[in-house]
Amino acid sequence: MAMDDKKRPTLSPAPHTPKSEPGGAPNEEKELAEVCARFADLCQYFSQQSMDLPPQIVDEVRLVSKLEVKGRIAKMKRLSQDLMEYLNDAGPDSQLRQ
């Protein structure tokens, strides 16, 4: 038999609480998201130019998830800067471009 509508439990949406890791404030997580988005844009540019990321950058990105949020922000900023410097060093006539 079907359950009466009056007897069905009503579900209400869960209250929204900002998710954060231990030691990570929502503002830090927003900054991390922005820094990672900039890094992703750089990676997309490399892909569009048919360029490989430098192996040391790839290795360091793999380790970022083990850091606390503040450490991730600093590391991703540095890695983005390293990629920008790599692009600058590559120049239009460089052998780094493939």
C-alpha atoms as a PDB file:
ATOM      1  CA  MET A   1       0.000   0.000   0.000  1.00  0.00           C
ATOM      2  CA  ALA A   2       1.047   3.571  -0.604  1.00  0.00           C
ATOM      3  CA  MET A   3       1.967   5.727   2.329  1.00  0.00           C
ATOM      4  CA  ASP A   4      -0.287   8.704   3.025  1.00  0.00           C
ATOM      5  CA  ASP A   5       1.238  12.075   2.281  1.00  0.00           C
ATOM      6  CA  LYS A   6       0.633  13.041   5.897  1.00  0.00           C
ATOM      7  CA  LYS A   7       2.792  10.173   7.131  1.00  0.00           C
ATOM      8  CA  ARG A   8       5.758  10.840   4.829  1.00  0.00           C
ATOM      9  CA  PRO A   9       8.692  12.493   6.524  1.00  0.00           C
ATOM     10  CA  THR A  10       9.568  15.872   5.129  1.00  0.00           C
ATOM     11  CA  LEU A  11      13.136  16.508   4.181  1.00  0.00           C
ATOM     12  CA  SER A  12      14.645  19.905   4.589  1.00  0.00           C
ATOM     13  CA  PRO A  13      17.906  21.005   3.013  1.00  0.00           C
ATOM     14  CA  ALA A  14      20.969  20.785   5.172  1.00  0.00           C
ATOM     15  CA  PRO A  15      22.175  24.123   6.498  1.00  0.00           C
ATOM     16  CA  HIS A  16      25.031  25.508   4.438  1.00  0.00           C
ATOM     17  CA  THR A  17      28.250  25.670   6.346  1.00  0.00           C
ATOM     18  CA  PRO A  18      31.524  26.634   4.690  1.00  0.00           C
ATOM     19  CA  LYS A  19      33.750  23.629   4.337  1.00  0.00           C
ATOM     20  CA  SER A  20      37.254  24.131   5.531  1.00  0.00           C
ATOM     21  CA  GLU A  21      40.166  21.982   6.439  1.00  0.00           C
ATOM     22  CA  PRO A  22      41.623  22.151   9.905  1.00  0.00           C
ATOM     23  CA  GLY A  23      43.447  25.438  10.114  1.00  0.00           C
ATOM     24  CA  GLY A  24      41.931  26.707   6.868  1.00  0.00           C
ATOM     25  CA  ALA A  25      39.603  29.685   6.960  1.00  0.00           C
ATOM     26  CA  PRO A  26      37.040  30.219   4.188  1.00  0.00           C
ATOM     27  CA  ASN A  27      38.986  33.308   3.005  1.00  0.00           C
ATOM     28  CA  GLU A  28      42.138  31.225   2.666  1.00  0.00           C
ATOM     29  CA  GLU A  29      40.262  28.592   0.704  1.00  0.00           C
ATOM     30  CA  LYS A  30      38.904  31.281  -1.630  1.00  0.00           C
ATOM     31  CA  GLU A  31      42.432  32.580  -2.171  1.00  0.00           C
ATOM     32  CA  LEU A  32      43.663  29.041  -2.800  1.00  0.00           C
ATOM     33  CA  ALA A  33      40.919  28.538  -5.393  1.00  0.00           C
ATOM     34  CA  GLU A  34      41.930  31.754  -7.145  1.00  0.00           C
ATOM     35  CA  VAL A  35      45.625  30.854  -7.127  1.00  0.00           C
ATOM     36  CA  CYS A  36      44.868  27.374  -8.463  1.00  0.00           C
ATOM     37  CA  ALA A  37      42.644  28.833 -11.175  1.00  0.00           C
ATOM     38  CA  ARG A  38      45.509  31.068 -12.337  1.00  0.00           C
ATOM     39  CA  PHE A  39      47.831  28.061 -12.377  1.00  0.00           C
ATOM     40  CA  ALA A  40      45.250  26.087 -14.377  1.00  0.00           C
ATOM     41  CA  ASP A  41      45.041  28.951 -16.884  1.00  0.00           C
ATOM     42  CA  LEU A  42      48.805  28.786 -17.325  1.00  0.00           C
ATOM     43  CA  CYS A  43      48.634  25.026 -17.817  1.00  0.00           C
ATOM     44  CA  GLN A  44      45.926  25.507 -20.428  1.00  0.00           C
ATOM     45  CA  TYR A  45      48.141  27.995 -22.253  1.00  0.00           C
ATOM     46  CA  PHE A  46      50.982  25.466 -22.258  1.00  0.00           C
ATOM     47  CA  SER A  47      48.604  22.885 -23.699  1.00  0.00           C
ATOM     48  CA  GLN A  48      47.373  25.246 -26.411  1.00  0.00           C
ATOM     49  CA  GLN A  49      50.970  25.993 -27.376  1.00  0.00           C
ATOM     50  CA  SER A  50      51.793  22.251 -27.415  1.00  0.00           C
ATOM     51  CA  MET A  51      54.354  22.785 -24.682  1.00  0.00           C
ATOM     52  CA  ASP A  52      55.143  20.371 -21.883  1.00  0.00           C
ATOM     53  CA  LEU A  53      55.259  21.607 -18.324  1.00  0.00           C
ATOM     54  CA  PRO A  54      58.753  21.429 -16.860  1.00  0.00           C
ATOM     55  CA  PRO A  55      59.133  18.093 -15.003  1.00  0.00           C
ATOM     56  CA  GLN A  56      60.177  19.766 -11.746  1.00  0.00           C
ATOM     57  CA  ILE A  57      56.938  21.787 -11.743  1.00  0.00           C
ATOM     58  CA  VAL A  58      54.897  18.624 -12.275  1.00  0.00           C
ATOM     59  CA  ASP A  59      56.717  16.913  -9.416  1.00  0.00           C
ATOM     60  CA  GLU A  60      56.112  19.831  -7.067  1.00  0.00           C
ATOM     61  CA  VAL A  61      52.406  20.062  -7.943  1.00  0.00           C
ATOM     62  CA  ARG A  62      51.991  16.446  -6.872  1.00  0.00           C
ATOM     63  CA  LEU A  63      53.187  17.362  -3.377  1.00  0.00           C
ATOM     64  CA  VAL A  64      50.998  20.440  -2.880  1.00  0.00           C
ATOM     65  CA  SER A  65      48.036  18.468  -1.533  1.00  0.00           C
ATOM     66  CA  LYS A  66      50.099  17.419   1.484  1.00  0.00           C
ATOM     67  CA  LEU A  67      50.543  21.013   2.642  1.00  0.00           C
ATOM     68  CA  GLU A  68      48.267  23.085   4.836  1.00  0.00           C
ATOM     69  CA  VAL A  69      46.113  25.676   3.055  1.00  0.00           C
ATOM     70  CA  LYS A  70      48.542  28.572   3.659  1.00  0.00           C
ATOM     71  CA  GLY A  71      51.413  26.445   2.382  1.00  0.00           C
ATOM     72  CA  ARG A  72      49.402  25.459  -0.694  1.00  0.00           C
ATOM     73  CA  ILE A  73      48.699  29.089  -1.502  1.00  0.00           C
ATOM     74  CA  ALA A  74      52.357  30.041  -1.240  1.00  0.00           C
ATOM     75  CA  LYS A  75      53.500  27.005  -3.235  1.00  0.00           C
ATOM     76  CA  MET A  76      50.971  27.495  -6.037  1.00  0.00           C
ATOM     77  CA  LYS A  77      51.904  31.181  -6.303  1.00  0.00           C
ATOM     78  CA  ARG A  78      55.557  30.221  -6.594  1.00  0.00           C
ATOM     79  CA  LEU A  79      54.836  27.513  -9.163  1.00  0.00           C
ATOM     80  CA  SER A  80      52.815  29.969 -11.251  1.00  0.00           C
ATOM     81  CA  GLN A  81      55.698  32.439 -11.069  1.00  0.00           C
ATOM     82  CA  ASP A  82      58.119  29.677 -12.097  1.00  0.00           C
ATOM     83  CA  LEU A  83      55.937  28.864 -15.114  1.00  0.00           C
ATOM     84  CA  MET A  84      55.810  32.518 -16.116  1.00  0.00           C
ATOM     85  CA  GLU A  85      59.601  32.735 -15.891  1.00  0.00           C
ATOM     86  CA  TYR A  86      59.895  29.528 -17.911  1.00  0.00           C
ATOM     87  CA  LEU A  87      57.685  31.057 -20.619  1.00  0.00           C
ATOM     88  CA  ASN A  88      59.740  34.242 -20.579  1.00  0.00           C
ATOM     89  CA  ASP A  89      62.952  32.245 -20.924  1.00  0.00           C
ATOM     90  CA  ALA A  90      61.433  30.187 -23.727  1.00  0.00           C
ATOM     91  CA  GLY A  91      60.830  33.235 -25.915  1.00  0.00           C
ATOM     92  CA  PRO A  92      59.438  32.921 -29.432  1.00  0.00           C
ATOM     93  CA  ASP A  93      62.607  31.396 -30.923  1.00  0.00           C
ATOM     94  CA  SER A  94      63.564  29.107 -28.082  1.00  0.00           C
ATOM     95  CA  GLN A  95      64.086  25.368 -28.367  1.00  0.00           C
ATOM     96  CA  LEU A  96      61.811  24.943 -25.336  1.00  0.00           C
ATOM     97  CA  ARG A  97      58.760  25.301 -27.566  1.00  0.00           C
ATOM     98  CA  GLN A  98      57.831  22.094 -29.285  1.00  0.00           C
END
